[in-house]
Amino acid sequence: MRLRTLVLGLSILMFTVHSIHGQYKEMSKIESLSKSMPEPEMFNGMAAHFGVTADTLKQEKAANGLSFGQLYLAHAIAKVTKSDPGAILVESKGKLWTEITKEKKVDMKLLADDADVLEKAIKKLQKSK
């Protein structure tokens, strides 16, 4: 019985760590990209990707004290769950990103794929200048 409980506990822990790693991996990827790109290109690339204005993203980032990675994650979660990004930002003030994605049943593969698409689009945008 103790072994069974231990195995179950380890399984839950491994799933949780994998889930946490996924979200922070995508956030970190976009944050790293932002360190090597001019800020206007990041805003323009994200604006085109999410279908919002660059000014909206600038305001959200400044008003909420977000990094580009956090701003990306809020909009990506909203995109895959068909939610309002503003509501996600409000939730993020009182919850961890892992809690938000778990509650909203976010498919982490969709976030990973989305981050790759955004990264390629922003790099392409810079190369075209």
N, C-alpha and C. Protein backbone atom coordinates (compact mmCIF):
# COMPACT_ATOMS: atom_id res chain seq x y z
N MET A 1 0.82 -1.19 0.00
CA MET A 1 0.00 0.00 0.00
C MET A 1 0.87 1.26 0.00
N ARG A 2 1.94 1.24 0.79
CA ARG A 2 2.82 2.41 0.86
C ARG A 2 3.51 2.63 -0.49
N LEU A 3 3.92 1.54 -1.13
CA LEU A 3 4.57 1.65 -2.42
C LEU A 3 3.61 2.24 -3.45
N ARG A 4 2.38 1.79 -3.41
CA ARG A 4 1.37 2.29 -4.35
C ARG A 4 1.16 3.80 -4.15
N THR A 5 1.08 4.24 -2.91
CA THR A 5 0.92 5.66 -2.59
C THR A 5 2.13 6.45 -3.06
N LEU A 6 3.31 5.91 -2.86
CA LEU A 6 4.54 6.56 -3.29
C LEU A 6 4.57 6.70 -4.81
N VAL A 7 4.23 5.64 -5.51
CA VAL A 7 4.22 5.67 -6.98
C VAL A 7 3.19 6.69 -7.48
N LEU A 8 2.02 6.71 -6.89
CA LEU A 8 0.99 7.67 -7.28
C LEU A 8 1.47 9.10 -7.02
N GLY A 9 2.06 9.33 -5.88
CA GLY A 9 2.58 10.65 -5.55
C GLY A 9 3.66 11.11 -6.52
N LEU A 10 4.57 10.21 -6.85
CA LEU A 10 5.63 10.54 -7.80
C LEU A 10 5.06 10.82 -9.19
N SER A 11 4.06 10.07 -9.59
CA SER A 11 3.42 10.29 -10.89
C SER A 11 2.78 11.67 -10.96
N ILE A 12 2.10 12.05 -9.92
CA ILE A 12 1.47 13.38 -9.87
C ILE A 12 2.53 14.46 -9.90
N LEU A 13 3.60 14.28 -9.14
CA LEU A 13 4.68 15.24 -9.12
C LEU A 13 5.33 15.39 -10.49
N MET A 14 5.58 14.28 -11.16
CA MET A 14 6.20 14.33 -12.49
C MET A 14 5.30 15.05 -13.48
N PHE A 15 3.99 14.81 -13.44
CA PHE A 15 3.06 15.48 -14.33
C PHE A 15 3.06 16.98 -14.05
N THR A 16 3.05 17.35 -12.78
CA THR A 16 3.03 18.75 -12.39
C THR A 16 4.30 19.45 -12.83
N VAL A 17 5.44 18.84 -12.60
CA VAL A 17 6.72 19.43 -13.01
C VAL A 17 6.76 19.59 -14.52
N HIS A 18 6.29 18.61 -15.26
CA HIS A 18 6.27 18.71 -16.72
C HIS A 18 5.38 19.87 -17.16
N SER A 19 4.24 20.01 -16.54
CA SER A 19 3.30 21.08 -16.87
C SER A 19 3.91 22.44 -16.56
N ILE A 20 4.52 22.58 -15.40
CA ILE A 20 5.15 23.84 -15.02
C ILE A 20 6.28 24.17 -15.99
N HIS A 21 7.09 23.17 -16.29
CA HIS A 21 8.22 23.38 -17.19
C HIS A 21 7.73 23.87 -18.55
N GLY A 22 6.64 23.32 -19.05
CA GLY A 22 6.12 23.70 -20.35
C GLY A 22 5.77 25.17 -20.42
N GLN A 23 5.04 25.67 -19.44
CA GLN A 23 4.63 27.07 -19.46
C GLN A 23 5.83 27.99 -19.35
N TYR A 24 6.72 27.69 -18.44
CA TYR A 24 7.85 28.57 -18.25
C TYR A 24 8.84 28.46 -19.40
N LYS A 25 8.87 27.34 -20.07
CA LYS A 25 9.72 27.18 -21.24
C LYS A 25 9.26 28.13 -22.35
N GLU A 26 7.97 28.18 -22.59
CA GLU A 26 7.44 29.05 -23.64
C GLU A 26 7.62 30.52 -23.26
N MET A 27 7.34 30.84 -22.01
CA MET A 27 7.51 32.21 -21.54
C MET A 27 8.98 32.62 -21.66
N SER A 28 9.87 31.73 -21.29
CA SER A 28 11.30 32.00 -21.35
C SER A 28 11.77 32.16 -22.80
N LYS A 29 11.22 31.36 -23.69
CA LYS A 29 11.59 31.45 -25.11
C LYS A 29 11.28 32.84 -25.66
N ILE A 30 10.09 33.34 -25.37
CA ILE A 30 9.70 34.66 -25.86
C ILE A 30 10.50 35.75 -25.15
N GLU A 31 10.76 35.57 -23.88
CA GLU A 31 11.55 36.55 -23.13
C GLU A 31 12.97 36.62 -23.69
N SER A 32 13.57 35.48 -23.99
CA SER A 32 14.91 35.46 -24.59
C SER A 32 14.92 36.16 -25.94
N LEU A 33 13.89 35.89 -26.72
CA LEU A 33 13.78 36.54 -28.03
C LEU A 33 13.72 38.05 -27.86
N SER A 34 12.99 38.52 -26.86
CA SER A 34 12.83 39.96 -26.65
C SER A 34 14.15 40.63 -26.29
N LYS A 35 15.08 39.87 -25.73
CA LYS A 35 16.39 40.44 -25.37
C LYS A 35 17.25 40.70 -26.60
N SER A 36 16.95 40.00 -27.70
CA SER A 36 17.77 40.16 -28.90
C SER A 36 17.06 40.95 -30.01
N MET A 37 15.85 41.39 -29.74
CA MET A 37 15.07 42.13 -30.73
C MET A 37 14.74 43.52 -30.21
N PRO A 38 14.64 44.48 -31.12
CA PRO A 38 14.17 45.80 -30.69
C PRO A 38 12.73 45.70 -30.18
N GLU A 39 12.44 46.48 -29.15
CA GLU A 39 11.12 46.44 -28.53
C GLU A 39 9.99 46.69 -29.53
N PRO A 40 10.10 47.66 -30.44
CA PRO A 40 9.01 47.88 -31.39
C PRO A 40 8.71 46.65 -32.26
N GLU A 41 9.74 45.90 -32.61
CA GLU A 41 9.53 44.70 -33.41
C GLU A 41 8.83 43.62 -32.61
N MET A 42 9.15 43.53 -31.33
CA MET A 42 8.44 42.56 -30.47
C MET A 42 6.96 42.92 -30.39
N PHE A 43 6.69 44.19 -30.13
CA PHE A 43 5.28 44.61 -30.03
C PHE A 43 4.55 44.42 -31.36
N ASN A 44 5.19 44.79 -32.46
CA ASN A 44 4.54 44.65 -33.77
C ASN A 44 4.31 43.19 -34.13
N GLY A 45 5.30 42.34 -33.85
CA GLY A 45 5.15 40.92 -34.13
C GLY A 45 4.06 40.27 -33.29
N MET A 46 4.03 40.61 -32.02
CA MET A 46 3.00 40.06 -31.14
C MET A 46 1.62 40.61 -31.51
N ALA A 47 1.57 41.87 -31.88
CA ALA A 47 0.29 42.48 -32.26
C ALA A 47 -0.29 41.78 -33.48
N ALA A 48 0.54 41.55 -34.48
CA ALA A 48 0.07 40.85 -35.68
C ALA A 48 -0.34 39.42 -35.35
N HIS A 49 0.41 38.78 -34.51
CA HIS A 49 0.15 37.39 -34.14
C HIS A 49 -1.17 37.23 -33.38
N PHE A 50 -1.44 38.16 -32.48
CA PHE A 50 -2.63 38.04 -31.64
C PHE A 50 -3.82 38.87 -32.12
N GLY A 51 -3.60 39.67 -33.16
CA GLY A 51 -4.70 40.45 -33.70
C GLY A 51 -5.14 41.60 -32.80
N VAL A 52 -4.18 42.21 -32.15
CA VAL A 52 -4.43 43.39 -31.33
C VAL A 52 -3.45 44.48 -31.76
N THR A 53 -3.62 45.67 -31.26
CA THR A 53 -2.69 46.73 -31.63
C THR A 53 -1.44 46.67 -30.76
N ALA A 54 -0.35 47.18 -31.31
CA ALA A 54 0.89 47.26 -30.54
C ALA A 54 0.68 48.17 -29.33
N ASP A 55 -0.12 49.23 -29.49
CA ASP A 55 -0.38 50.13 -28.37
C ASP A 55 -1.10 49.41 -27.23
N THR A 56 -2.03 48.53 -27.56
CA THR A 56 -2.72 47.75 -26.53
C THR A 56 -1.73 46.91 -25.75
N LEU A 57 -0.84 46.24 -26.47
CA LEU A 57 0.17 45.39 -25.81
C LEU A 57 1.10 46.23 -24.93
N LYS A 58 1.51 47.40 -25.43
CA LYS A 58 2.38 48.28 -24.64
C LYS A 58 1.70 48.70 -23.35
N GLN A 59 0.43 49.06 -23.46
CA GLN A 59 -0.33 49.48 -22.26
C GLN A 59 -0.46 48.33 -21.27
N GLU A 60 -0.79 47.14 -21.76
CA GLU A 60 -0.93 45.98 -20.87
C GLU A 60 0.39 45.65 -20.19
N LYS A 61 1.46 45.70 -20.94
CA LYS A 61 2.78 45.38 -20.39
C LYS A 61 3.15 46.37 -19.29
N ALA A 62 2.96 47.66 -19.58
CA ALA A 62 3.33 48.70 -18.62
C ALA A 62 2.40 48.69 -17.40
N ALA A 63 1.10 48.60 -17.63
CA ALA A 63 0.12 48.67 -16.54
C ALA A 63 0.23 47.50 -15.58
N ASN A 64 0.65 46.35 -16.08
CA ASN A 64 0.71 45.15 -15.25
C ASN A 64 2.13 44.76 -14.85
N GLY A 65 3.11 45.55 -15.28
CA GLY A 65 4.50 45.25 -14.94
C GLY A 65 4.96 43.90 -15.45
N LEU A 66 4.62 43.59 -16.70
CA LEU A 66 4.90 42.27 -17.28
C LEU A 66 6.18 42.26 -18.09
N SER A 67 6.75 41.11 -18.20
CA SER A 67 7.83 40.88 -19.16
C SER A 67 7.16 40.51 -20.48
N PHE A 68 7.91 40.47 -21.55
CA PHE A 68 7.34 40.03 -22.83
C PHE A 68 6.86 38.58 -22.73
N GLY A 69 7.58 37.76 -21.98
CA GLY A 69 7.18 36.37 -21.82
C GLY A 69 5.83 36.24 -21.12
N GLN A 70 5.62 37.02 -20.09
CA GLN A 70 4.34 37.00 -19.38
C GLN A 70 3.22 37.55 -20.25
N LEU A 71 3.50 38.62 -20.97
CA LEU A 71 2.51 39.19 -21.88
C LEU A 71 2.12 38.18 -22.95
N TYR A 72 3.14 37.50 -23.47
CA TYR A 72 2.88 36.45 -24.46
C TYR A 72 1.98 35.36 -23.87
N LEU A 73 2.33 34.89 -22.70
CA LEU A 73 1.58 33.78 -22.10
C LEU A 73 0.12 34.16 -21.85
N ALA A 74 -0.12 35.37 -21.37
CA ALA A 74 -1.50 35.82 -21.15
C ALA A 74 -2.30 35.79 -22.45
N HIS A 75 -1.70 36.30 -23.51
CA HIS A 75 -2.42 36.34 -24.80
C HIS A 75 -2.52 34.96 -25.43
N ALA A 76 -1.50 34.14 -25.25
CA ALA A 76 -1.54 32.79 -25.82
C ALA A 76 -2.61 31.94 -25.12
N ILE A 77 -2.70 32.05 -23.81
CA ILE A 77 -3.74 31.32 -23.07
C ILE A 77 -5.12 31.80 -23.52
N ALA A 78 -5.26 33.11 -23.64
CA ALA A 78 -6.54 33.67 -24.09
C ALA A 78 -6.89 33.17 -25.49
N LYS A 79 -5.88 33.09 -26.34
CA LYS A 79 -6.09 32.65 -27.72
C LYS A 79 -6.57 31.19 -27.78
N VAL A 80 -5.89 30.31 -27.07
CA VAL A 80 -6.25 28.89 -27.16
C VAL A 80 -7.52 28.54 -26.39
N THR A 81 -7.89 29.39 -25.42
CA THR A 81 -9.11 29.12 -24.66
C THR A 81 -10.27 30.02 -25.09
N LYS A 82 -9.99 30.86 -26.10
CA LYS A 82 -11.01 31.81 -26.60
C LYS A 82 -11.55 32.67 -25.45
N SER A 83 -10.62 33.20 -24.66
CA SER A 83 -10.93 34.05 -23.51
C SER A 83 -10.45 35.46 -23.78
N ASP A 84 -10.79 36.35 -22.88
CA ASP A 84 -10.33 37.73 -22.95
C ASP A 84 -8.94 37.84 -22.30
N PRO A 85 -7.96 38.38 -23.01
CA PRO A 85 -6.62 38.52 -22.42
C PRO A 85 -6.64 39.35 -21.13
N GLY A 86 -7.50 40.35 -21.07
CA GLY A 86 -7.60 41.17 -19.86
C GLY A 86 -8.00 40.34 -18.66
N ALA A 87 -8.91 39.40 -18.86
CA ALA A 87 -9.34 38.52 -17.76
C ALA A 87 -8.18 37.62 -17.32
N ILE A 88 -7.41 37.15 -18.28
CA ILE A 88 -6.25 36.31 -17.95
C ILE A 88 -5.24 37.13 -17.14
N LEU A 89 -5.02 38.38 -17.54
CA LEU A 89 -4.09 39.24 -16.81
C LEU A 89 -4.57 39.48 -15.38
N VAL A 90 -5.86 39.67 -15.20
CA VAL A 90 -6.41 39.85 -13.85
C VAL A 90 -6.17 38.58 -13.03
N GLU A 91 -6.44 37.43 -13.63
CA GLU A 91 -6.22 36.15 -12.93
C GLU A 91 -4.76 35.98 -12.53
N SER A 92 -3.85 36.42 -13.40
CA SER A 92 -2.43 36.20 -13.14
C SER A 92 -1.92 36.98 -11.93
N LYS A 93 -2.69 37.96 -11.49
CA LYS A 93 -2.28 38.73 -10.30
C LYS A 93 -2.47 37.93 -9.01
N GLY A 94 -3.39 36.96 -9.05
CA GLY A 94 -3.65 36.18 -7.86
C GLY A 94 -3.35 34.70 -7.97
N LYS A 95 -2.96 34.27 -9.17
CA LYS A 95 -2.69 32.85 -9.40
C LYS A 95 -1.40 32.67 -10.19
N LEU A 96 -0.83 31.51 -10.02
CA LEU A 96 0.33 31.15 -10.83
C LEU A 96 -0.14 30.79 -12.23
N TRP A 97 0.74 30.94 -13.20
CA TRP A 97 0.40 30.59 -14.58
C TRP A 97 0.00 29.12 -14.68
N THR A 98 0.64 28.28 -13.87
CA THR A 98 0.31 26.85 -13.89
C THR A 98 -1.13 26.62 -13.45
N GLU A 99 -1.57 27.38 -12.46
CA GLU A 99 -2.96 27.23 -12.00
C GLU A 99 -3.94 27.67 -13.08
N ILE A 100 -3.62 28.75 -13.74
CA ILE A 100 -4.50 29.27 -14.79
C ILE A 100 -4.62 28.27 -15.92
N THR A 101 -3.49 27.75 -16.38
CA THR A 101 -3.54 26.80 -17.49
C THR A 101 -4.23 25.50 -17.11
N LYS A 102 -4.04 25.09 -15.87
CA LYS A 102 -4.70 23.86 -15.41
C LYS A 102 -6.21 24.06 -15.33
N GLU A 103 -6.64 25.17 -14.74
CA GLU A 103 -8.07 25.45 -14.62
C GLU A 103 -8.74 25.60 -15.99
N LYS A 104 -8.01 26.16 -16.93
CA LYS A 104 -8.57 26.39 -18.26
C LYS A 104 -8.33 25.22 -19.21
N LYS A 105 -7.68 24.18 -18.68
CA LYS A 105 -7.40 22.97 -19.45
C LYS A 105 -6.66 23.29 -20.77
N VAL A 106 -5.59 24.05 -20.63
CA VAL A 106 -4.80 24.47 -21.77
C VAL A 106 -3.92 23.31 -22.23
N ASP A 107 -3.95 23.04 -23.52
CA ASP A 107 -3.09 22.03 -24.13
C ASP A 107 -1.70 22.66 -24.31
N MET A 108 -0.73 22.19 -23.55
CA MET A 108 0.59 22.78 -23.59
C MET A 108 1.26 22.63 -24.96
N LYS A 109 0.90 21.62 -25.70
CA LYS A 109 1.43 21.45 -27.06
C LYS A 109 1.01 22.63 -27.93
N LEU A 110 -0.23 23.10 -27.75
CA LEU A 110 -0.69 24.26 -28.51
C LEU A 110 0.13 25.50 -28.17
N LEU A 111 0.44 25.68 -26.89
CA LEU A 111 1.27 26.83 -26.50
C LEU A 111 2.67 26.72 -27.07
N ALA A 112 3.24 25.55 -27.04
CA ALA A 112 4.59 25.35 -27.58
C ALA A 112 4.61 25.64 -29.07
N ASP A 113 3.62 25.13 -29.79
CA ASP A 113 3.54 25.37 -31.23
C ASP A 113 3.34 26.85 -31.52
N ASP A 114 2.48 27.49 -30.74
CA ASP A 114 2.20 28.91 -30.93
C ASP A 114 3.45 29.76 -30.70
N ALA A 115 4.21 29.44 -29.66
CA ALA A 115 5.43 30.19 -29.37
C ALA A 115 6.43 30.04 -30.52
N ASP A 116 6.52 28.86 -31.11
CA ASP A 116 7.41 28.65 -32.26
C ASP A 116 6.98 29.50 -33.44
N VAL A 117 5.68 29.54 -33.71
CA VAL A 117 5.16 30.34 -34.82
C VAL A 117 5.47 31.82 -34.60
N LEU A 118 5.24 32.30 -33.39
CA LEU A 118 5.52 33.71 -33.08
C LEU A 118 7.00 34.02 -33.22
N GLU A 119 7.84 33.16 -32.70
CA GLU A 119 9.28 33.38 -32.77
C GLU A 119 9.73 33.49 -34.24
N LYS A 120 9.27 32.59 -35.08
CA LYS A 120 9.63 32.62 -36.50
C LYS A 120 9.13 33.88 -37.18
N ALA A 121 7.92 34.30 -36.85
CA ALA A 121 7.34 35.50 -37.46
C ALA A 121 8.12 36.75 -37.07
N ILE A 122 8.52 36.85 -35.82
CA ILE A 122 9.27 38.04 -35.36
C ILE A 122 10.66 38.05 -36.00
N LYS A 123 11.31 36.89 -36.08
CA LYS A 123 12.63 36.83 -36.72
C LYS A 123 12.52 37.17 -38.21
N LYS A 124 11.47 36.71 -38.85
CA LYS A 124 11.24 37.03 -40.26
C LYS A 124 11.00 38.53 -40.44
N LEU A 125 10.26 39.12 -39.53
CA LEU A 125 10.00 40.55 -39.56
C LEU A 125 11.30 41.34 -39.48
N GLN A 126 12.20 40.92 -38.61
CA GLN A 126 13.47 41.62 -38.48
C GLN A 126 14.33 41.45 -39.73
N LYS A 127 14.34 40.26 -40.30
CA LYS A 127 15.15 40.02 -41.50
C LYS A 127 14.67 40.83 -42.69
N SER A 128 13.38 41.13 -42.72
CA SER A 128 12.83 41.88 -43.86
C SER A 128 13.16 43.37 -43.79
N LYS A 129 13.76 43.81 -42.70
CA LYS A 129 14.11 45.25 -42.56
C LYS A 129 15.50 45.53 -43.00
